[in-house]
Amino acid sequence: AGRELGLPIDDANRALEWQTIIPVADWNDDRTRTHTEI
């Protein structure tokens, strides 16, 4: 999305990470994670 829009992604990543409490990549890859949670 950042590449398509030509916008920085740092604040977007930090905002999502604040909601997930752990790094987004680790949270996404959790084996129990569902699409609805994303």
PDB file of all heavy atoms in Angstrom:
ATOM      1  N   ALA A   1       0.835  -1.206   0.000  1.00  0.00           N
ATOM      2  CA  ALA A   1       0.000   0.000   0.000  1.00  0.00           C
ATOM      3  C   ALA A   1       0.868   1.253   0.000  1.00  0.00           C
ATOM      4  O   ALA A   1       0.592   2.210  -0.735  1.00  0.00           O
ATOM      5  CB  ALA A   1      -0.937  -0.012   1.207  1.00  0.00           C
ATOM      6  N   GLY A   2       1.909   1.263   0.797  1.00  0.00           N
ATOM      7  CA  GLY A   2       2.814   2.414   0.823  1.00  0.00           C
ATOM      8  C   GLY A   2       3.479   2.634  -0.513  1.00  0.00           C
ATOM      9  O   GLY A   2       3.628   3.771  -0.972  1.00  0.00           O
ATOM     10  N   ARG A   3       3.870   1.557  -1.160  1.00  0.00           N
ATOM     11  CA  ARG A   3       4.506   1.662  -2.476  1.00  0.00           C
ATOM     12  C   ARG A   3       3.520   2.174  -3.514  1.00  0.00           C
ATOM     13  O   ARG A   3       3.848   3.035  -4.323  1.00  0.00           O
ATOM     14  CB  ARG A   3       5.050   0.298  -2.882  1.00  0.00           C
ATOM     15  CG  ARG A   3       5.755   0.294  -4.206  1.00  0.00           C
ATOM     16  CD  ARG A   3       6.210  -1.112  -4.556  1.00  0.00           C
ATOM     17  NE  ARG A   3       6.793  -1.136  -5.869  1.00  0.00           N
ATOM     18  CZ  ARG A   3       8.028  -1.498  -6.125  1.00  0.00           C
ATOM     19  NH1 ARG A   3       8.807  -1.881  -5.131  1.00  0.00           N
ATOM     20  NH2 ARG A   3       8.488  -1.495  -7.344  1.00  0.00           N
ATOM     21  N   GLU A   4       2.297   1.633  -3.509  1.00  0.00           N
ATOM     22  CA  GLU A   4       1.283   2.067  -4.477  1.00  0.00           C
ATOM     23  C   GLU A   4       0.924   3.536  -4.303  1.00  0.00           C
ATOM     24  O   GLU A   4       0.728   4.252  -5.277  1.00  0.00           O
ATOM     25  CB  GLU A   4       0.000   1.239  -4.324  1.00  0.00           C
ATOM     26  CG  GLU A   4       0.085  -0.161  -4.846  1.00  0.00           C
ATOM     27  CD  GLU A   4      -1.200  -0.938  -4.630  1.00  0.00           C
ATOM     28  OE1 GLU A   4      -2.174  -0.383  -4.080  1.00  0.00           O
ATOM     29  OE2 GLU A   4      -1.230  -2.122  -5.017  1.00  0.00           O
ATOM     30  N   LEU A   5       0.810   3.977  -3.046  1.00  0.00           N
ATOM     31  CA  LEU A   5       0.378   5.341  -2.759  1.00  0.00           C
ATOM     32  C   LEU A   5       1.536   6.331  -2.703  1.00  0.00           C
ATOM     33  O   LEU A   5       1.315   7.543  -2.653  1.00  0.00           O
ATOM     34  CB  LEU A   5      -0.397   5.380  -1.438  1.00  0.00           C
ATOM     35  CG  LEU A   5      -1.661   4.518  -1.383  1.00  0.00           C
ATOM     36  CD1 LEU A   5      -2.229   4.496   0.028  1.00  0.00           C
ATOM     37  CD2 LEU A   5      -2.692   5.023  -2.379  1.00  0.00           C
ATOM     38  N   GLY A   6       2.757   5.813  -2.665  1.00  0.00           N
ATOM     39  CA  GLY A   6       3.920   6.687  -2.560  1.00  0.00           C
ATOM     40  C   GLY A   6       3.998   7.384  -1.208  1.00  0.00           C
ATOM     41  O   GLY A   6       4.428   8.532  -1.122  1.00  0.00           O
ATOM     42  N   LEU A   7       3.583   6.679  -0.150  1.00  0.00           N
ATOM     43  CA  LEU A   7       3.547   7.255   1.192  1.00  0.00           C
ATOM     44  C   LEU A   7       4.422   6.441   2.144  1.00  0.00           C
ATOM     45  O   LEU A   7       4.636   5.244   1.938  1.00  0.00           O
ATOM     46  CB  LEU A   7       2.106   7.254   1.723  1.00  0.00           C
ATOM     47  CG  LEU A   7       1.105   8.121   0.966  1.00  0.00           C
ATOM     48  CD1 LEU A   7      -0.303   7.860   1.460  1.00  0.00           C
ATOM     49  CD2 LEU A   7       1.468   9.590   1.104  1.00  0.00           C
ATOM     50  N   PRO A   8       4.922   7.094   3.210  1.00  0.00           N
ATOM     51  CA  PRO A   8       5.714   6.344   4.194  1.00  0.00           C
ATOM     52  C   PRO A   8       4.833   5.370   4.974  1.00  0.00           C
ATOM     53  O   PRO A   8       3.642   5.613   5.167  1.00  0.00           O
ATOM     54  CB  PRO A   8       6.264   7.449   5.117  1.00  0.00           C
ATOM     55  CG  PRO A   8       5.332   8.591   4.943  1.00  0.00           C
ATOM     56  CD  PRO A   8       4.786   8.502   3.537  1.00  0.00           C
ATOM     57  N   ILE A   9       5.451   4.281   5.412  1.00  0.00           N
ATOM     58  CA  ILE A   9       4.675   3.230   6.083  1.00  0.00           C
ATOM     59  C   ILE A   9       4.953   3.122   7.572  1.00  0.00           C
ATOM     60  O   ILE A   9       4.286   2.361   8.267  1.00  0.00           O
ATOM     61  CB  ILE A   9       4.915   1.859   5.430  1.00  0.00           C
ATOM     62  CG1 ILE A   9       6.378   1.432   5.569  1.00  0.00           C
ATOM     63  CG2 ILE A   9       4.486   1.873   3.980  1.00  0.00           C
ATOM     64  CD1 ILE A   9       6.639   0.000   5.209  1.00  0.00           C
ATOM     65  N   ASP A  10       5.906   3.880   8.084  1.00  0.00           N
ATOM     66  CA  ASP A  10       6.312   3.722   9.487  1.00  0.00           C
ATOM     67  C   ASP A  10       5.159   3.927  10.465  1.00  0.00           C
ATOM     68  O   ASP A  10       4.945   3.109  11.361  1.00  0.00           O
ATOM     69  CB  ASP A  10       7.459   4.668   9.829  1.00  0.00           C
ATOM     70  CG  ASP A  10       8.733   4.317   9.078  1.00  0.00           C
ATOM     71  OD1 ASP A  10       8.861   3.137   8.680  1.00  0.00           O
ATOM     72  OD2 ASP A  10       9.575   5.202   8.879  1.00  0.00           O
ATOM     73  N   ASP A  11       4.426   5.034  10.319  1.00  0.00           N
ATOM     74  CA  ASP A  11       3.325   5.295  11.256  1.00  0.00           C
ATOM     75  C   ASP A  11       2.204   4.276  11.108  1.00  0.00           C
ATOM     76  O   ASP A  11       1.571   3.898  12.092  1.00  0.00           O
ATOM     77  CB  ASP A  11       2.785   6.716  11.077  1.00  0.00           C
ATOM     78  CG  ASP A  11       3.700   7.765  11.691  1.00  0.00           C
ATOM     79  OD1 ASP A  11       4.504   7.404  12.577  1.00  0.00           O
ATOM     80  OD2 ASP A  11       3.615   8.932  11.282  1.00  0.00           O
ATOM     81  N   ALA A  12       1.945   3.828   9.891  1.00  0.00           N
ATOM     82  CA  ALA A  12       0.910   2.815   9.679  1.00  0.00           C
ATOM     83  C   ALA A  12       1.301   1.510  10.372  1.00  0.00           C
ATOM     84  O   ALA A  12       0.479   0.885  11.054  1.00  0.00           O
ATOM     85  CB  ALA A  12       0.692   2.584   8.188  1.00  0.00           C
ATOM     86  N   ASN A  13       2.545   1.119  10.217  1.00  0.00           N
ATOM     87  CA  ASN A  13       3.029  -0.099  10.857  1.00  0.00           C
ATOM     88  C   ASN A  13       2.978   0.035  12.378  1.00  0.00           C
ATOM     89  O   ASN A  13       2.552  -0.881  13.081  1.00  0.00           O
ATOM     90  CB  ASN A  13       4.449  -0.407  10.391  1.00  0.00           C
ATOM     91  CG  ASN A  13       4.971  -1.702  10.961  1.00  0.00           C
ATOM     92  OD1 ASN A  13       4.236  -2.667  11.121  1.00  0.00           O
ATOM     93  ND2 ASN A  13       6.245  -1.726  11.292  1.00  0.00           N
ATOM     94  N   ARG A  14       3.380   1.191  12.888  1.00  0.00           N
ATOM     95  CA  ARG A  14       3.376   1.400  14.337  1.00  0.00           C
ATOM     96  C   ARG A  14       1.952   1.391  14.895  1.00  0.00           C
ATOM     97  O   ARG A  14       1.705   0.877  15.981  1.00  0.00           O
ATOM     98  CB  ARG A  14       4.085   2.699  14.686  1.00  0.00           C
ATOM     99  CG  ARG A  14       5.582   2.618  14.346  1.00  0.00           C
ATOM    100  CD  ARG A  14       6.294   3.845  14.757  1.00  0.00           C
ATOM    101  NE  ARG A  14       6.549   3.699  16.201  1.00  0.00           N
ATOM    102  CZ  ARG A  14       6.992   4.677  16.952  1.00  0.00           C
ATOM    103  NH1 ARG A  14       7.204   5.858  16.451  1.00  0.00           N
ATOM    104  NH2 ARG A  14       7.215   4.471  18.229  1.00  0.00           N
ATOM    105  N   ALA A  15       1.009   1.982  14.160  1.00  0.00           N
ATOM    106  CA  ALA A  15      -0.385   1.999  14.620  1.00  0.00           C
ATOM    107  C   ALA A  15      -0.961   0.591  14.690  1.00  0.00           C
ATOM    108  O   ALA A  15      -1.651   0.232  15.644  1.00  0.00           O
ATOM    109  CB  ALA A  15      -1.235   2.876  13.701  1.00  0.00           C
ATOM    110  N   LEU A  16      -0.670  -0.224  13.667  1.00  0.00           N
ATOM    111  CA  LEU A  16      -1.152  -1.605  13.681  1.00  0.00           C
ATOM    112  C   LEU A  16      -0.457  -2.397  14.787  1.00  0.00           C
ATOM    113  O   LEU A  16      -1.091  -3.192  15.487  1.00  0.00           O
ATOM    114  CB  LEU A  16      -0.943  -2.265  12.320  1.00  0.00           C
ATOM    115  CG  LEU A  16      -1.542  -3.644  12.154  1.00  0.00           C
ATOM    116  CD1 LEU A  16      -3.059  -3.617  12.366  1.00  0.00           C
ATOM    117  CD2 LEU A  16      -1.224  -4.197  10.764  1.00  0.00           C
ATOM    118  N   GLU A  17       0.832  -2.163  14.963  1.00  0.00           N
ATOM    119  CA  GLU A  17       1.574  -2.853  16.019  1.00  0.00           C
ATOM    120  C   GLU A  17       1.057  -2.475  17.401  1.00  0.00           C
ATOM    121  O   GLU A  17       1.044  -3.301  18.317  1.00  0.00           O
ATOM    122  CB  GLU A  17       3.056  -2.511  15.899  1.00  0.00           C
ATOM    123  CG  GLU A  17       3.960  -3.384  16.712  1.00  0.00           C
ATOM    124  CD  GLU A  17       5.403  -3.149  16.365  1.00  0.00           C
ATOM    125  OE1 GLU A  17       5.870  -3.742  15.372  1.00  0.00           O
ATOM    126  OE2 GLU A  17       6.055  -2.365  17.077  1.00  0.00           O
ATOM    127  N   TRP A  18       0.608  -1.238  17.579  1.00  0.00           N
ATOM    128  CA  TRP A  18       0.052  -0.827  18.869  1.00  0.00           C
ATOM    129  C   TRP A  18      -1.213  -1.626  19.183  1.00  0.00           C
ATOM    130  O   TRP A  18      -1.472  -1.970  20.328  1.00  0.00           O
ATOM    131  CB  TRP A  18      -0.244   0.674  18.857  1.00  0.00           C
ATOM    132  CG  TRP A  18      -0.677   1.178  20.189  1.00  0.00           C
ATOM    133  CD1 TRP A  18      -1.955   1.420  20.601  1.00  0.00           C
ATOM    134  CD2 TRP A  18       0.153   1.490  21.308  1.00  0.00           C
ATOM    135  NE1 TRP A  18      -1.964   1.862  21.895  1.00  0.00           N
ATOM    136  CE2 TRP A  18      -0.677   1.916  22.362  1.00  0.00           C
ATOM    137  CE3 TRP A  18       1.537   1.446  21.523  1.00  0.00           C
ATOM    138  CZ2 TRP A  18      -0.190   2.301  23.597  1.00  0.00           C
ATOM    139  CZ3 TRP A  18       2.019   1.836  22.763  1.00  0.00           C
ATOM    140  CH2 TRP A  18       1.161   2.250  23.780  1.00  0.00           C
ATOM    141  N   GLN A  19      -1.984  -1.953  18.166  1.00  0.00           N
ATOM    142  CA  GLN A  19      -3.202  -2.727  18.372  1.00  0.00           C
ATOM    143  C   GLN A  19      -2.898  -4.209  18.628  1.00  0.00           C
ATOM    144  O   GLN A  19      -3.590  -4.861  19.388  1.00  0.00           O
ATOM    145  CB  GLN A  19      -4.143  -2.599  17.165  1.00  0.00           C
ATOM    146  CG  GLN A  19      -4.590  -1.183  16.876  1.00  0.00           C
ATOM    147  CD  GLN A  19      -5.247  -0.505  18.053  1.00  0.00           C
ATOM    148  OE1 GLN A  19      -6.092  -1.082  18.720  1.00  0.00           O
ATOM    149  NE2 GLN A  19      -4.863   0.726  18.316  1.00  0.00           N
ATOM    150  N   THR A  20      -1.873  -4.736  17.990  1.00  0.00           N
ATOM    151  CA  THR A  20      -1.559  -6.162  18.117  1.00  0.00           C
ATOM    152  C   THR A  20      -0.640  -6.470  19.295  1.00  0.00           C
ATOM    153  O   THR A  20      -0.479  -7.632  19.657  1.00  0.00           O
ATOM    154  CB  THR A  20      -0.909  -6.697  16.829  1.00  0.00           C
ATOM    155  OG1 THR A  20       0.327  -6.018  16.605  1.00  0.00           O
ATOM    156  CG2 THR A  20      -1.836  -6.509  15.642  1.00  0.00           C
ATOM    157  N   ILE A  21       0.017  -5.453  19.840  1.00  0.00           N
ATOM    158  CA  ILE A  21       0.891  -5.525  21.005  1.00  0.00           C
ATOM    159  C   ILE A  21       2.256  -6.152  20.694  1.00  0.00           C
ATOM    160  O   ILE A  21       3.234  -5.822  21.330  1.00  0.00           O
ATOM    161  CB  ILE A  21       0.231  -6.237  22.203  1.00  0.00           C
ATOM    162  CG1 ILE A  21      -1.057  -5.528  22.546  1.00  0.00           C
ATOM    163  CG2 ILE A  21       1.153  -6.293  23.399  1.00  0.00           C
ATOM    164  CD1 ILE A  21      -1.879  -6.223  23.608  1.00  0.00           C
ATOM    165  N   ILE A  22       2.353  -7.005  19.726  1.00  0.00           N
ATOM    166  CA  ILE A  22       3.635  -7.600  19.346  1.00  0.00           C
ATOM    167  C   ILE A  22       3.926  -7.207  17.898  1.00  0.00           C
ATOM    168  O   ILE A  22       3.045  -6.706  17.202  1.00  0.00           O
ATOM    169  CB  ILE A  22       3.624  -9.134  19.515  1.00  0.00           C
ATOM    170  CG1 ILE A  22       2.572  -9.780  18.607  1.00  0.00           C
ATOM    171  CG2 ILE A  22       3.401  -9.528  20.964  1.00  0.00           C
ATOM    172  CD1 ILE A  22       2.614 -11.297  18.613  1.00  0.00           C
ATOM    173  N   PRO A  23       5.159  -7.424  17.416  1.00  0.00           N
ATOM    174  CA  PRO A  23       5.453  -7.075  16.026  1.00  0.00           C
ATOM    175  C   PRO A  23       4.431  -7.695  15.061  1.00  0.00           C
ATOM    176  O   PRO A  23       4.031  -8.845  15.213  1.00  0.00           O
ATOM    177  CB  PRO A  23       6.853  -7.638  15.800  1.00  0.00           C
ATOM    178  CG  PRO A  23       7.469  -7.620  17.167  1.00  0.00           C
ATOM    179  CD  PRO A  23       6.340  -7.923  18.111  1.00  0.00           C
ATOM    180  N   VAL A  24       4.037  -6.907  14.082  1.00  0.00           N
ATOM    181  CA  VAL A  24       2.966  -7.302  13.166  1.00  0.00           C
ATOM    182  C   VAL A  24       3.288  -8.606  12.442  1.00  0.00           C
ATOM    183  O   VAL A  24       2.424  -9.477  12.308  1.00  0.00           O
ATOM    184  CB  VAL A  24       2.683  -6.173  12.149  1.00  0.00           C
ATOM    185  CG1 VAL A  24       1.661  -6.613  11.120  1.00  0.00           C
ATOM    186  CG2 VAL A  24       2.211  -4.922  12.871  1.00  0.00           C
ATOM    187  N   ALA A  25       4.520  -8.767  11.984  1.00  0.00           N
ATOM    188  CA  ALA A  25       4.877  -9.990  11.253  1.00  0.00           C
ATOM    189  C   ALA A  25       4.700 -11.225  12.135  1.00  0.00           C
ATOM    190  O   ALA A  25       4.164 -12.246  11.692  1.00  0.00           O
ATOM    191  CB  ALA A  25       6.302  -9.892  10.740  1.00  0.00           C
ATOM    192  N   ASP A  26       5.147 -11.149  13.380  1.00  0.00           N
ATOM    193  CA  ASP A  26       4.999 -12.285  14.300  1.00  0.00           C
ATOM    194  C   ASP A  26       3.529 -12.545  14.613  1.00  0.00           C
ATOM    195  O   ASP A  26       3.090 -13.688  14.687  1.00  0.00           O
ATOM    196  CB  ASP A  26       5.753 -12.027  15.604  1.00  0.00           C
ATOM    197  CG  ASP A  26       7.252 -11.915  15.395  1.00  0.00           C
ATOM    198  OD1 ASP A  26       7.743 -12.422  14.371  1.00  0.00           O
ATOM    199  OD2 ASP A  26       7.920 -11.312  16.252  1.00  0.00           O
ATOM    200  N   TRP A  27       2.772 -11.464  14.814  1.00  0.00           N
ATOM    201  CA  TRP A  27       1.348 -11.591  15.125  1.00  0.00           C
ATOM    202  C   TRP A  27       0.593 -12.217  13.964  1.00  0.00           C
ATOM    203  O   TRP A  27      -0.222 -13.111  14.149  1.00  0.00           O
ATOM    204  CB  TRP A  27       0.795 -10.211  15.466  1.00  0.00           C
ATOM    205  CG  TRP A  27      -0.641 -10.210  15.826  1.00  0.00           C
ATOM    206  CD1 TRP A  27      -1.190 -10.548  17.036  1.00  0.00           C
ATOM    207  CD2 TRP A  27      -1.732  -9.854  14.989  1.00  0.00           C
ATOM    208  NE1 TRP A  27      -2.560 -10.407  16.978  1.00  0.00           N
ATOM    209  CE2 TRP A  27      -2.912  -9.986  15.742  1.00  0.00           C
ATOM    210  CE3 TRP A  27      -1.825  -9.426  13.665  1.00  0.00           C
ATOM    211  CZ2 TRP A  27      -4.169  -9.714  15.215  1.00  0.00           C
ATOM    212  CZ3 TRP A  27      -3.071  -9.147  13.145  1.00  0.00           C
ATOM    213  CH2 TRP A  27      -4.229  -9.294  13.920  1.00  0.00           C
ATOM    214  N   ASN A  28       0.875 -11.776  12.748  1.00  0.00           N
ATOM    215  CA  ASN A  28       0.216 -12.306  11.551  1.00  0.00           C
ATOM    216  C   ASN A  28       0.511 -13.801  11.374  1.00  0.00           C
ATOM    217  O   ASN A  28      -0.366 -14.564  10.994  1.00  0.00           O
ATOM    218  CB  ASN A  28       0.688 -11.538  10.317  1.00  0.00           C
ATOM    219  CG  ASN A  28       0.041 -12.013   9.038  1.00  0.00           C
ATOM    220  OD1 ASN A  28      -1.026 -11.572   8.663  1.00  0.00           O
ATOM    221  ND2 ASN A  28       0.701 -12.936   8.351  1.00  0.00           N
ATOM    222  N   ASP A  29       1.748 -14.194  11.650  1.00  0.00           N
ATOM    223  CA  ASP A  29       2.178 -15.568  11.386  1.00  0.00           C
ATOM    224  C   ASP A  29       1.819 -16.564  12.479  1.00  0.00           C
ATOM    225  O   ASP A  29       2.093 -17.757  12.333  1.00  0.00           O
ATOM    226  CB  ASP A  29       3.686 -15.610  11.143  1.00  0.00           C
ATOM    227  CG  ASP A  29       4.068 -14.919   9.849  1.00  0.00           C
ATOM    228  OD1 ASP A  29       3.177 -14.641   9.026  1.00  0.00           O
ATOM    229  OD2 ASP A  29       5.269 -14.649   9.666  1.00  0.00           O
ATOM    230  N   ASP A  30       1.214 -16.106  13.556  1.00  0.00           N
ATOM    231  CA  ASP A  30       0.800 -17.021  14.615  1.00  0.00           C
ATOM    232  C   ASP A  30      -0.108 -18.092  14.016  1.00  0.00           C
ATOM    233  O   ASP A  30      -1.000 -17.810  13.229  1.00  0.00           O
ATOM    234  CB  ASP A  30       0.055 -16.233  15.701  1.00  0.00           C
ATOM    235  CG  ASP A  30      -0.285 -17.100  16.896  1.00  0.00           C
ATOM    236  OD1 ASP A  30      -1.199 -17.950  16.749  1.00  0.00           O
ATOM    237  OD2 ASP A  30       0.332 -16.931  17.949  1.00  0.00           O
ATOM    238  N   ARG A  31       0.117 -19.326  14.386  1.00  0.00           N
ATOM    239  CA  ARG A  31      -0.637 -20.423  13.753  1.00  0.00           C
ATOM    240  C   ARG A  31      -2.131 -20.387  14.063  1.00  0.00           C
ATOM    241  O   ARG A  31      -2.930 -20.949  13.328  1.00  0.00           O
ATOM    242  CB  ARG A  31      -0.047 -21.779  14.109  1.00  0.00           C
ATOM    243  CG  ARG A  31      -0.076 -22.131  15.550  1.00  0.00           C
ATOM    244  CD  ARG A  31       0.625 -23.484  15.796  1.00  0.00           C
ATOM    245  NE  ARG A  31       0.676 -23.778  17.198  1.00  0.00           N
ATOM    246  CZ  ARG A  31      -0.301 -24.372  17.875  1.00  0.00           C
ATOM    247  NH1 ARG A  31      -1.382 -24.756  17.248  1.00  0.00           N
ATOM    248  NH2 ARG A  31      -0.185 -24.590  19.164  1.00  0.00           N
ATOM    249  N   THR A  32      -2.526 -19.710  15.150  1.00  0.00           N
ATOM    250  CA  THR A  32      -3.948 -19.629  15.492  1.00  0.00           C
ATOM    251  C   THR A  32      -4.624 -18.367  14.947  1.00  0.00           C
ATOM    252  O   THR A  32      -5.820 -18.186  15.145  1.00  0.00           O
ATOM    253  CB  THR A  32      -4.137 -19.667  17.018  1.00  0.00           C
ATOM    254  OG1 THR A  32      -3.484 -18.525  17.594  1.00  0.00           O
ATOM    255  CG2 THR A  32      -3.577 -20.944  17.609  1.00  0.00           C
ATOM    256  N   ARG A  33      -3.873 -17.513  14.273  1.00  0.00           N
ATOM    257  CA  ARG A  33      -4.421 -16.253  13.762  1.00  0.00           C
ATOM    258  C   ARG A  33      -5.454 -16.518  12.673  1.00  0.00           C
ATOM    259  O   ARG A  33      -5.261 -17.376  11.820  1.00  0.00           O
ATOM    260  CB  ARG A  33      -3.299 -15.380  13.202  1.00  0.00           C
ATOM    261  CG  ARG A  33      -3.703 -13.976  12.833  1.00  0.00           C
ATOM    262  CD  ARG A  33      -3.982 -13.111  14.032  1.00  0.00           C
ATOM    263  NE  ARG A  33      -2.898 -13.203  14.979  1.00  0.00           N
ATOM    264  CZ  ARG A  33      -3.081 -13.446  16.286  1.00  0.00           C
ATOM    265  NH1 ARG A  33      -4.276 -13.609  16.777  1.00  0.00           N
ATOM    266  NH2 ARG A  33      -2.061 -13.525  17.097  1.00  0.00           N
ATOM    267  N   THR A  34      -6.547 -15.767  12.713  1.00  0.00           N
ATOM    268  CA  THR A  34      -7.585 -15.899  11.693  1.00  0.00           C
ATOM    269  C   THR A  34      -7.656 -14.628  10.851  1.00  0.00           C
ATOM    270  O   THR A  34      -7.198 -13.560  11.268  1.00  0.00           O
ATOM    271  CB  THR A  34      -8.967 -16.137  12.345  1.00  0.00           C
ATOM    272  OG1 THR A  34      -9.343 -14.977  13.090  1.00  0.00           O
ATOM    273  CG2 THR A  34      -8.970 -17.378  13.223  1.00  0.00           C
ATOM    274  N   HIS A  35      -8.245 -14.768   9.699  1.00  0.00           N
ATOM    275  CA  HIS A  35      -8.410 -13.630   8.805  1.00  0.00           C
ATOM    276  C   HIS A  35      -9.265 -12.546   9.441  1.00  0.00           C
ATOM    277  O   HIS A  35      -8.994 -11.351   9.294  1.00  0.00           O
ATOM    278  CB  HIS A  35      -9.022 -14.104   7.481  1.00  0.00           C
ATOM    279  CG  HIS A  35      -9.288 -12.983   6.548  1.00  0.00           C
ATOM    280  ND1 HIS A  35     -10.551 -12.459   6.370  1.00  0.00           N
ATOM    281  CD2 HIS A  35      -8.461 -12.262   5.764  1.00  0.00           C
ATOM    282  CE1 HIS A  35     -10.481 -11.471   5.504  1.00  0.00           C
ATOM    283  NE2 HIS A  35      -9.224 -11.325   5.119  1.00  0.00           N
ATOM    284  N   THR A  36     -10.286 -12.931  10.154  1.00  0.00           N
ATOM    285  CA  THR A  36     -11.159 -11.960  10.818  1.00  0.00           C
ATOM    286  C   THR A  36     -10.370 -11.085  11.781  1.00  0.00           C
ATOM    287  O   THR A  36     -10.579  -9.872  11.846  1.00  0.00           O
ATOM    288  CB  THR A  36     -12.292 -12.688  11.564  1.00  0.00           C
ATOM    289  OG1 THR A  36     -13.003 -13.499  10.637  1.00  0.00           O
ATOM    290  CG2 THR A  36     -13.233 -11.709  12.228  1.00  0.00           C
ATOM    291  N   GLU A  37      -9.442 -11.679  12.522  1.00  0.00           N
ATOM    292  CA  GLU A  37      -8.617 -10.913  13.443  1.00  0.00           C
ATOM    293  C   GLU A  37      -7.745  -9.901  12.717  1.00  0.00           C
ATOM    294  O   GLU A  37      -7.516  -8.795  13.214  1.00  0.00           O
ATOM    295  CB  GLU A  37      -7.746 -11.853  14.286  1.00  0.00           C
ATOM    296  CG  GLU A  37      -8.540 -12.687  15.258  1.00  0.00           C
ATOM    297  CD  GLU A  37      -7.686 -13.743  15.929  1.00  0.00           C
ATOM    298  OE1 GLU A  37      -6.929 -14.445  15.233  1.00  0.00           O
ATOM    299  OE2 GLU A  37      -7.774 -13.849  17.171  1.00  0.00           O
ATOM    300  N   ILE A  38      -7.266 -10.261  11.535  1.00  0.00           N
ATOM    301  CA  ILE A  38      -6.446  -9.352  10.734  1.00  0.00           C
ATOM    302  C   ILE A  38      -7.262  -8.123  10.350  1.00  0.00           C
ATOM    303  O   ILE A  38      -6.829  -6.986  10.534  1.00  0.00           O
ATOM    304  CB  ILE A  38      -5.921 -10.063   9.460  1.00  0.00           C
ATOM    305  CG1 ILE A  38      -5.025 -11.247   9.820  1.00  0.00           C
ATOM    306  CG2 ILE A  38      -5.214  -9.086   8.531  1.00  0.00           C
ATOM    307  CD1 ILE A  38      -3.736 -10.890  10.499  1.00  0.00           C
TER     308      ILE A  38
END
